[in-house]
Amino acid sequence: MARILIIGGSLGGLMAANLLLRAGHEVTVLEKAHGALDGRGAGIVTHGALVSGLARCGLAEGIALGITVHKRVTLGGAGAQQHAVLGEMEMTQLFTSWGRLYQLLHGLLPEGVYRQGMTVERFEQDAAGVQVHAVSGAERSVWQADLVIASDGIRSVVRQQMFPQAQPDYAGYVGWRGVCEESLLSQRTLDAVFDTFGFCLPPGEQLIGYPVAGPGQRTGVGERAYNFVWYRPAPQGPALNGLLTDDLGVLHPQGIAPNKVSAANVAVMRAKARRLLARPFAEIIEKTSHPFLQPIYDLSSDALVQGRVALMGDAAFVARPHVGMGVTKAMQDALALTDAITNDGATPQALKAYEKLRLPEGQQVVARGRRLGAYMQASAQHNSDTIARDAHSVMRETAVDLDLVPA
């Protein structure tokens, strides 16, 4: 049995913790935040690897993850094609939410494994193990481990120490996000898009949406919600800074918390939705109580391992969300780490075996995300509709299970 320390208690860290505990190791998770995290995030597209990985984590068969849809549809935006159906495609997918997965994975952990309020500052390592220095309030502590797994996100403190050259790269556009309760929507909107994976393609932009569980993780008709992401150009500089500035005039350059998004920016976004989007999507955005925004970044690492320390999840790679693979990729990382440690023990050699497998996979997912997002990026850079798009092509490539896509 090895002592394994996981830095970061979001979904990736919870997946790794459950898998390694079930493999017989002593695991501790250090999470910076206080309190429940299950209100964070929004909708998640599931794939086969994620569902099978959850079973390996110990999730009982038959536990409801979310909502299944069977069709994709693209509605026309402004102009002559307003509200017209531009394309339809049969495709069955299961959609869940960040909060649902957090609730399930956190609930599988034994008492005492998950330590909150722990801010990791740095680590040291030698041939015998790793020492992680953390602070909680006024108290400092040093944690000893045979291996450290860093799952501390796009701004990873551990990656910054290991590979400071690996930095997030802003793509030139943002995603406005939100979840609207089904009970608030008109019958016209429910009939048009609610039970589909919906798309809308204004010039230079893209919106997607799909149903997820509603408040209290309820999935009955009338109790669900509709999750949307609307990609809009925001060139680096004044345009982006304006979106990341709150109502008090404070700039949040690394990303603005949902509850800090300026009411004025939300009002402008809603007005643009009424002008640019098909009416059902404009209604969904209008009736979403707390829309928020996410700057879109790439992050691609050239290495994942340094001695007894390894990166996983968003600490290692961040692909643009058009791929719909963020959570599945984290599960694949956690599975590969667990298998490597099972095969080679809690050793640097095991981590190298993990790196050999997951490094090219992560780089390929990032490259795919860049290709799918090239249209929005070009439009943001040149302020023009530079790349022609076909509704069926966009639907066919967005958020699909890469295990089913030919290389």
Protein backbone atom coordinates (compact mmCIF):
# COMPACT_ATOMS: atom_id res chain seq x y z
CA MET A 1 0.00 0.00 0.00
CA ALA A 2 1.38 3.37 -1.03
CA ARG A 3 0.72 6.84 0.39
CA ILE A 4 -0.65 8.94 -2.46
CA LEU A 5 -1.47 12.63 -2.14
CA ILE A 6 -3.89 14.24 -4.59
CA ILE A 7 -3.75 18.01 -4.97
CA GLY A 8 -7.16 19.34 -6.00
CA GLY A 9 -10.57 17.99 -5.06
CA SER A 10 -12.58 18.78 -8.17
CA LEU A 11 -13.89 15.99 -10.42
CA GLY A 12 -10.50 14.75 -11.63
CA GLY A 13 -9.11 14.56 -8.10
CA LEU A 14 -12.21 12.72 -6.87
CA MET A 15 -11.96 10.20 -9.71
CA ALA A 16 -8.30 9.49 -8.99
CA ALA A 17 -8.96 9.25 -5.25
CA ASN A 18 -11.75 6.70 -5.63
CA LEU A 19 -9.85 4.57 -8.12
CA LEU A 20 -6.64 4.52 -6.06
CA LEU A 21 -8.49 3.79 -2.83
CA ARG A 22 -10.19 0.83 -4.48
CA ALA A 23 -6.76 -0.32 -5.66
CA GLY A 24 -5.68 -0.53 -1.99
CA HIS A 25 -3.68 2.66 -1.47
CA GLU A 26 -3.74 5.23 1.33
CA VAL A 27 -5.08 8.39 -0.32
CA THR A 28 -5.50 11.96 0.88
CA VAL A 29 -7.07 14.77 -1.17
CA LEU A 30 -6.09 18.37 -0.45
CA GLU A 31 -8.69 20.87 -1.71
CA LYS A 32 -8.21 24.63 -1.52
CA ALA A 33 -11.89 25.61 -1.29
CA HIS A 34 -14.11 25.47 1.78
CA GLY A 35 -17.62 24.04 1.75
CA ALA A 36 -19.54 22.04 -0.82
CA LEU A 37 -18.44 22.43 -4.44
CA ASP A 38 -21.50 20.80 -5.99
CA GLY A 39 -22.96 24.12 -7.09
CA ARG A 40 -20.07 24.77 -9.44
CA GLY A 41 -20.03 24.25 -13.17
CA ALA A 42 -22.88 23.42 -15.49
CA GLY A 43 -23.64 20.72 -18.06
CA ILE A 44 -21.33 17.87 -19.04
CA VAL A 45 -21.40 15.64 -22.11
CA THR A 46 -20.69 12.04 -21.14
CA HIS A 47 -18.79 9.45 -23.18
CA GLY A 48 -18.31 5.72 -22.86
CA ALA A 49 -14.97 6.01 -21.04
CA LEU A 50 -16.49 8.27 -18.41
CA VAL A 51 -19.43 5.98 -17.70
CA SER A 52 -17.27 2.83 -17.49
CA GLY A 53 -14.76 4.70 -15.32
CA LEU A 54 -17.48 5.70 -12.87
CA ALA A 55 -18.32 2.01 -12.46
CA ARG A 56 -14.67 1.33 -11.59
CA CYS A 57 -14.87 4.14 -9.03
CA GLY A 58 -17.56 2.12 -7.27
CA LEU A 59 -20.72 3.78 -8.56
CA ALA A 60 -23.56 1.29 -8.30
CA GLU A 61 -25.22 0.09 -11.48
CA GLY A 62 -28.46 1.87 -12.26
CA ILE A 63 -27.60 5.18 -10.55
CA ALA A 64 -29.08 7.98 -12.65
CA LEU A 65 -26.45 10.31 -14.11
CA GLY A 66 -28.63 12.67 -16.09
CA ILE A 67 -30.77 12.94 -19.20
CA THR A 68 -30.52 11.13 -22.54
CA VAL A 69 -31.35 12.86 -25.83
CA HIS A 70 -31.54 11.26 -29.26
CA LYS A 71 -31.35 14.15 -31.71
CA ARG A 72 -29.27 17.19 -32.65
CA VAL A 73 -30.87 20.19 -34.32
CA THR A 74 -29.54 23.52 -35.66
CA LEU A 75 -31.85 26.54 -35.76
CA GLY A 76 -31.25 29.57 -37.96
CA GLY A 77 -30.34 32.87 -36.35
CA ALA A 78 -30.81 36.38 -37.69
CA GLY A 79 -31.81 37.04 -41.30
CA ALA A 80 -33.88 35.10 -43.78
CA GLN A 81 -33.25 31.77 -42.02
CA GLN A 82 -34.45 33.04 -38.62
CA HIS A 83 -35.94 30.16 -36.57
CA ALA A 84 -35.72 27.75 -39.53
CA VAL A 85 -34.37 24.25 -38.94
CA LEU A 86 -31.04 24.24 -40.78
CA GLY A 87 -30.17 20.65 -39.98
CA GLU A 88 -31.09 17.61 -37.90
CA MET A 89 -29.07 14.56 -36.92
CA GLU A 90 -29.87 11.42 -34.97
CA MET A 91 -27.35 10.91 -32.18
CA THR A 92 -27.99 9.44 -28.74
CA GLN A 93 -26.04 10.97 -25.84
CA LEU A 94 -26.29 11.16 -22.07
CA PHE A 95 -25.89 14.59 -20.47
CA THR A 96 -25.11 15.10 -16.81
CA SER A 97 -23.93 18.03 -14.70
CA TRP A 98 -20.83 18.97 -12.76
CA GLY A 99 -22.83 19.04 -9.54
CA ARG A 100 -24.28 15.57 -10.06
CA LEU A 101 -20.87 13.97 -10.67
CA TYR A 102 -19.33 15.81 -7.71
CA GLN A 103 -22.15 14.63 -5.46
CA LEU A 104 -21.74 11.01 -6.52
CA LEU A 105 -17.93 10.87 -6.45
CA HIS A 106 -17.59 12.74 -3.17
CA GLY A 107 -20.17 10.45 -1.61
CA LEU A 108 -18.06 7.39 -2.42
CA LEU A 109 -15.06 8.60 -0.37
CA PRO A 110 -14.53 7.43 3.23
CA GLU A 111 -14.54 9.99 6.02
CA GLY A 112 -11.23 11.85 6.45
CA VAL A 113 -9.88 11.37 2.93
CA TYR A 114 -11.05 14.77 1.61
CA ARG A 115 -9.37 17.72 3.37
CA GLN A 116 -10.72 21.18 2.54
CA GLY A 117 -9.24 24.62 3.09
CA MET A 118 -5.73 23.34 2.22
CA THR A 119 -3.74 25.69 -0.01
CA VAL A 120 -0.68 23.97 -1.44
CA GLU A 121 2.35 26.27 -1.75
CA ARG A 122 5.15 24.02 -3.01
CA PHE A 123 6.61 20.53 -2.96
CA GLU A 124 10.03 18.94 -2.52
CA GLN A 125 11.06 15.42 -3.43
CA ASP A 126 13.92 12.97 -3.12
CA ALA A 127 14.45 9.29 -3.81
CA ALA A 128 12.32 8.31 -0.80
CA GLY A 129 9.22 10.39 -1.45
CA VAL A 130 7.58 13.81 -1.73
CA GLN A 131 6.94 16.51 0.85
CA VAL A 132 4.06 18.92 0.13
CA HIS A 133 3.88 22.22 1.99
CA ALA A 134 0.37 23.54 2.58
CA VAL A 135 -1.34 26.25 4.60
CA SER A 136 -4.80 26.31 6.16
CA GLY A 137 -5.65 29.63 7.74
CA ALA A 138 -2.71 30.46 9.99
CA GLU A 139 -1.53 26.84 10.23
CA ARG A 140 1.18 25.36 8.05
CA SER A 141 1.65 21.65 7.45
CA VAL A 142 3.91 19.25 5.57
CA TRP A 143 2.41 16.16 3.97
CA GLN A 144 4.53 13.10 3.19
CA ALA A 145 3.71 10.85 0.24
CA ASP A 146 5.21 8.22 -2.02
CA LEU A 147 3.54 9.88 -5.04
CA VAL A 148 1.78 13.19 -5.65
CA ILE A 149 -0.95 13.59 -8.28
CA ALA A 150 -1.68 17.20 -9.23
CA SER A 151 -5.28 17.74 -10.31
CA ASP A 152 -5.39 21.42 -9.37
CA GLY A 153 -6.73 22.86 -12.60
CA ILE A 154 -5.68 25.22 -15.34
CA ARG A 155 -3.82 27.52 -12.89
CA SER A 156 -2.05 24.57 -11.24
CA VAL A 157 0.46 25.57 -8.55
CA VAL A 158 2.18 22.21 -8.95
CA ARG A 159 2.57 22.59 -12.74
CA GLN A 160 3.91 26.10 -12.24
CA GLN A 161 6.71 24.67 -10.10
CA MET A 162 7.38 21.72 -12.41
CA PHE A 163 7.01 23.27 -15.85
CA PRO A 164 6.61 27.08 -15.62
CA GLN A 165 6.81 27.36 -19.41
CA ALA A 166 3.44 25.57 -19.79
CA GLN A 167 0.91 28.40 -19.60
CA PRO A 168 -2.74 28.78 -20.70
CA ASP A 169 -3.19 30.44 -24.10
CA TYR A 170 -6.30 32.61 -24.54
CA ALA A 171 -8.25 31.72 -27.69
CA GLY A 172 -9.80 35.14 -28.33
CA TYR A 173 -13.40 34.37 -27.36
CA VAL A 174 -15.54 33.60 -24.33
CA GLY A 175 -18.36 31.21 -23.53
CA TRP A 176 -21.46 32.68 -21.90
CA ARG A 177 -23.03 29.88 -19.88
CA GLY A 178 -26.11 29.23 -17.83
CA VAL A 179 -28.87 26.81 -16.86
CA CYS A 180 -32.56 27.69 -17.29
CA GLU A 181 -35.30 25.80 -15.46
CA GLU A 182 -37.70 23.95 -17.74
CA SER A 183 -40.77 25.25 -15.89
CA LEU A 184 -39.97 28.83 -16.96
CA LEU A 185 -39.99 28.16 -20.69
CA SER A 186 -42.81 28.56 -23.20
CA GLN A 187 -44.30 25.55 -24.90
CA ARG A 188 -42.92 26.84 -28.21
CA THR A 189 -39.36 26.68 -26.89
CA LEU A 190 -39.91 23.32 -25.22
CA ASP A 191 -41.19 21.87 -28.49
CA ALA A 192 -38.43 23.42 -30.60
CA VAL A 193 -35.24 22.50 -28.70
CA PHE A 194 -35.64 21.27 -25.14
CA ASP A 195 -35.33 17.54 -25.80
CA THR A 196 -32.43 17.99 -28.24
CA PHE A 197 -28.78 18.87 -28.37
CA GLY A 198 -29.42 22.27 -29.94
CA PHE A 199 -27.16 24.49 -32.07
CA CYS A 200 -27.33 28.04 -33.40
CA LEU A 201 -24.64 29.52 -35.65
CA PRO A 202 -24.70 33.33 -35.88
CA PRO A 203 -21.86 34.78 -38.00
CA GLY A 204 -18.61 34.43 -36.09
CA GLU A 205 -20.30 32.75 -33.11
CA GLN A 206 -21.79 29.47 -31.93
CA LEU A 207 -24.35 28.40 -29.34
CA ILE A 208 -25.01 24.89 -28.07
CA GLY A 209 -27.48 23.65 -25.49
CA TYR A 210 -28.93 20.48 -24.01
CA PRO A 211 -31.16 19.35 -21.13
CA VAL A 212 -29.74 18.48 -17.71
CA ALA A 213 -31.20 17.62 -14.32
CA GLY A 214 -32.96 20.49 -12.60
CA PRO A 215 -32.76 21.73 -8.98
CA GLY A 216 -32.22 18.88 -6.56
CA GLN A 217 -30.98 16.70 -9.46
CA ARG A 218 -34.58 16.09 -10.53
CA THR A 219 -35.12 14.64 -14.00
CA GLY A 220 -38.89 14.46 -14.32
CA VAL A 221 -40.70 16.30 -17.10
CA GLY A 222 -41.21 19.88 -15.95
CA GLU A 223 -38.43 19.59 -13.34
CA ARG A 224 -35.38 19.59 -15.61
CA ALA A 225 -33.23 22.46 -16.89
CA TYR A 226 -31.56 23.49 -20.16
CA ASN A 227 -27.83 24.15 -20.18
CA PHE A 228 -26.37 26.50 -22.80
CA VAL A 229 -22.94 27.73 -23.89
CA TRP A 230 -22.75 30.71 -26.26
CA TYR A 231 -19.32 31.37 -27.76
CA ARG A 232 -18.77 35.08 -28.55
CA PRO A 233 -15.64 36.96 -29.70
CA ALA A 234 -13.76 39.01 -27.10
CA PRO A 235 -10.26 40.00 -28.29
CA GLN A 236 -7.60 40.26 -25.61
CA GLY A 237 -7.36 43.79 -24.26
CA PRO A 238 -10.23 46.21 -23.58
CA ALA A 239 -12.97 43.87 -24.87
CA LEU A 240 -11.97 40.96 -22.64
CA ASN A 241 -11.07 43.17 -19.68
CA GLY A 242 -14.49 44.78 -19.84
CA LEU A 243 -16.17 41.40 -19.51
CA LEU A 244 -13.91 40.44 -16.61
CA THR A 245 -14.64 43.62 -14.65
CA ASP A 246 -17.33 43.44 -11.97
CA ASP A 247 -19.91 46.03 -10.97
CA LEU A 248 -17.46 47.57 -8.49
CA GLY A 249 -14.90 48.17 -11.24
CA VAL A 250 -12.57 45.37 -10.11
CA LEU A 251 -10.80 43.46 -12.91
CA HIS A 252 -10.49 39.66 -12.51
CA PRO A 253 -7.83 38.88 -15.13
CA GLN A 254 -7.67 35.12 -14.55
CA GLY A 255 -11.43 34.61 -14.80
CA ILE A 256 -14.44 36.12 -13.09
CA ALA A 257 -16.56 34.21 -10.58
CA PRO A 258 -20.19 33.64 -11.63
CA ASN A 259 -21.52 35.87 -8.85
CA LYS A 260 -19.20 38.72 -9.89
CA VAL A 261 -20.28 39.06 -13.52
CA SER A 262 -21.43 42.61 -14.20
CA ALA A 263 -25.20 43.13 -14.51
CA ALA A 264 -24.51 45.58 -17.35
CA ASN A 265 -22.58 42.92 -19.29
CA VAL A 266 -25.41 40.43 -18.75
CA ALA A 267 -27.94 42.97 -20.06
CA VAL A 268 -25.85 43.59 -23.20
CA MET A 269 -25.48 39.86 -23.77
CA ARG A 270 -29.23 39.31 -23.48
CA ALA A 271 -29.93 42.14 -25.92
CA LYS A 272 -27.49 40.54 -28.40
CA ALA A 273 -29.26 37.20 -27.95
CA ARG A 274 -32.60 38.74 -28.89
CA ARG A 275 -31.02 40.21 -32.02
CA LEU A 276 -28.78 37.31 -33.15
CA LEU A 277 -30.24 34.00 -31.95
CA ALA A 278 -33.22 31.89 -32.82
CA ARG A 279 -36.14 32.86 -30.59
CA PRO A 280 -36.09 29.67 -28.44
CA PHE A 281 -32.45 30.20 -27.50
CA ALA A 282 -33.02 33.91 -26.85
CA GLU A 283 -35.84 32.97 -24.48
CA ILE A 284 -33.66 30.45 -22.65
CA ILE A 285 -30.98 33.10 -22.12
CA GLU A 286 -33.53 35.74 -21.10
CA LYS A 287 -35.00 33.46 -18.41
CA THR A 288 -31.67 32.16 -17.03
CA SER A 289 -31.31 33.77 -13.62
CA HIS A 290 -27.53 33.89 -13.28
CA PRO A 291 -25.64 33.59 -16.59
CA PHE A 292 -21.86 33.69 -16.29
CA LEU A 293 -18.91 33.69 -18.65
CA GLN A 294 -15.78 31.65 -19.18
CA PRO A 295 -12.75 32.86 -21.19
CA ILE A 296 -11.72 30.03 -23.52
CA TYR A 297 -8.13 28.82 -23.14
CA ASP A 298 -5.84 26.15 -24.52
CA LEU A 299 -3.23 24.45 -22.37
CA SER A 300 -0.89 21.82 -23.80
CA SER A 301 1.97 20.30 -21.81
CA ASP A 302 5.17 18.82 -23.20
CA ALA A 303 5.66 16.62 -20.11
CA LEU A 304 3.44 15.32 -17.33
CA VAL A 305 5.88 13.84 -14.83
CA GLN A 306 8.79 14.97 -12.73
CA GLY A 307 10.12 12.21 -10.51
CA ARG A 308 7.36 11.19 -8.13
CA VAL A 309 4.93 13.96 -9.14
CA ALA A 310 2.45 13.75 -12.04
CA LEU A 311 -0.08 16.11 -13.63
CA MET A 312 -3.57 15.04 -14.64
CA GLY A 313 -6.83 16.60 -15.83
CA ASP A 314 -6.87 20.34 -16.45
CA ALA A 315 -3.52 20.71 -14.72
CA ALA A 316 -2.04 18.83 -17.68
CA PHE A 317 -4.21 19.75 -20.68
CA VAL A 318 -7.16 22.03 -21.33
CA ALA A 319 -8.94 21.57 -24.64
CA ARG A 320 -11.55 24.02 -25.86
CA PRO A 321 -14.98 22.84 -24.77
CA HIS A 322 -16.15 22.20 -28.37
CA VAL A 323 -14.54 18.78 -27.91
CA GLY A 324 -16.74 18.05 -24.89
CA MET A 325 -13.99 15.88 -23.42
CA GLY A 326 -12.78 17.71 -20.29
CA VAL A 327 -14.30 15.42 -17.67
CA THR A 328 -13.88 12.26 -19.75
CA LYS A 329 -10.22 13.15 -20.31
CA ALA A 330 -9.74 13.50 -16.56
CA MET A 331 -11.28 10.06 -16.05
CA GLN A 332 -8.99 8.56 -18.68
CA ASP A 333 -6.02 10.13 -16.88
CA ALA A 334 -7.15 8.73 -13.54
CA LEU A 335 -7.67 5.26 -14.98
CA ALA A 336 -4.26 5.27 -16.67
CA LEU A 337 -2.55 6.42 -13.47
CA THR A 338 -4.23 3.72 -11.41
CA ASP A 339 -3.35 0.99 -13.89
CA ALA A 340 0.27 2.14 -14.15
CA ILE A 341 0.67 2.19 -10.36
CA THR A 342 -0.95 -1.24 -10.13
CA ASN A 343 1.50 -2.61 -12.70
CA ASP A 344 4.73 -0.89 -11.58
CA GLY A 345 4.09 0.11 -7.98
CA ALA A 346 4.21 3.63 -6.52
CA THR A 347 7.36 4.49 -8.42
CA PRO A 348 8.65 7.09 -10.87
CA GLN A 349 8.63 4.31 -13.47
CA ALA A 350 4.85 3.95 -13.08
CA LEU A 351 4.37 7.67 -13.61
CA LYS A 352 6.55 7.55 -16.72
CA ALA A 353 4.41 4.73 -18.10
CA TYR A 354 1.35 6.91 -17.48
CA GLU A 355 3.01 9.85 -19.22
CA LYS A 356 3.92 7.77 -22.27
CA LEU A 357 0.28 6.79 -22.69
CA ARG A 358 -1.52 10.06 -21.87
CA LEU A 359 0.84 12.73 -23.24
CA PRO A 360 0.07 12.14 -26.94
CA GLU A 361 -3.61 11.61 -26.18
CA GLY A 362 -3.87 14.95 -24.40
CA GLN A 363 -2.00 16.76 -27.16
CA GLN A 364 -4.35 15.31 -29.78
CA VAL A 365 -7.47 16.43 -27.87
CA VAL A 366 -6.09 19.97 -27.55
CA ALA A 367 -5.30 20.04 -31.27
CA ARG A 368 -8.85 18.90 -32.07
CA GLY A 369 -10.29 21.63 -29.87
CA ARG A 370 -8.20 24.24 -31.65
CA ARG A 371 -9.43 23.02 -35.01
CA LEU A 372 -13.08 23.06 -33.95
CA GLY A 373 -12.66 26.54 -32.46
CA ALA A 374 -10.70 28.01 -35.38
CA TYR A 375 -13.81 29.70 -36.77
CA MET A 376 -14.53 31.68 -33.57
CA GLN A 377 -10.84 32.49 -33.11
CA ALA A 378 -10.48 33.79 -36.68
CA SER A 379 -13.65 35.83 -36.37
CA ALA A 380 -12.40 37.41 -33.14
CA GLN A 381 -9.02 38.23 -34.67
CA HIS A 382 -10.27 39.61 -37.99
CA ASN A 383 -13.78 40.77 -37.05
CA SER A 384 -15.14 38.95 -40.08
CA ASP A 385 -16.94 35.75 -41.04
CA THR A 386 -13.82 34.14 -42.48
CA ILE A 387 -14.57 30.42 -42.48
CA ALA A 388 -17.72 28.99 -44.03
CA ARG A 389 -19.55 26.47 -41.85
CA ASP A 390 -22.13 23.82 -42.56
CA ALA A 391 -24.67 22.97 -39.86
CA HIS A 392 -24.30 19.23 -40.38
CA SER A 393 -20.50 19.42 -40.16
CA VAL A 394 -20.66 21.36 -36.90
CA MET A 395 -23.18 18.95 -35.40
CA ARG A 396 -21.22 15.92 -36.58
CA GLU A 397 -17.94 17.05 -34.94
CA THR A 398 -18.95 18.87 -31.75
CA ALA A 399 -18.75 16.99 -28.42
CA VAL A 400 -18.70 13.52 -29.93
CA ASP A 401 -17.24 10.36 -28.40
CA LEU A 402 -13.73 10.25 -29.83
CA ASP A 403 -13.63 6.48 -29.36
CA LEU A 404 -16.21 6.34 -32.16
CA VAL A 405 -14.42 8.80 -34.49
CA PRO A 406 -11.94 7.42 -37.05
CA ALA A 407 -8.39 8.65 -36.48
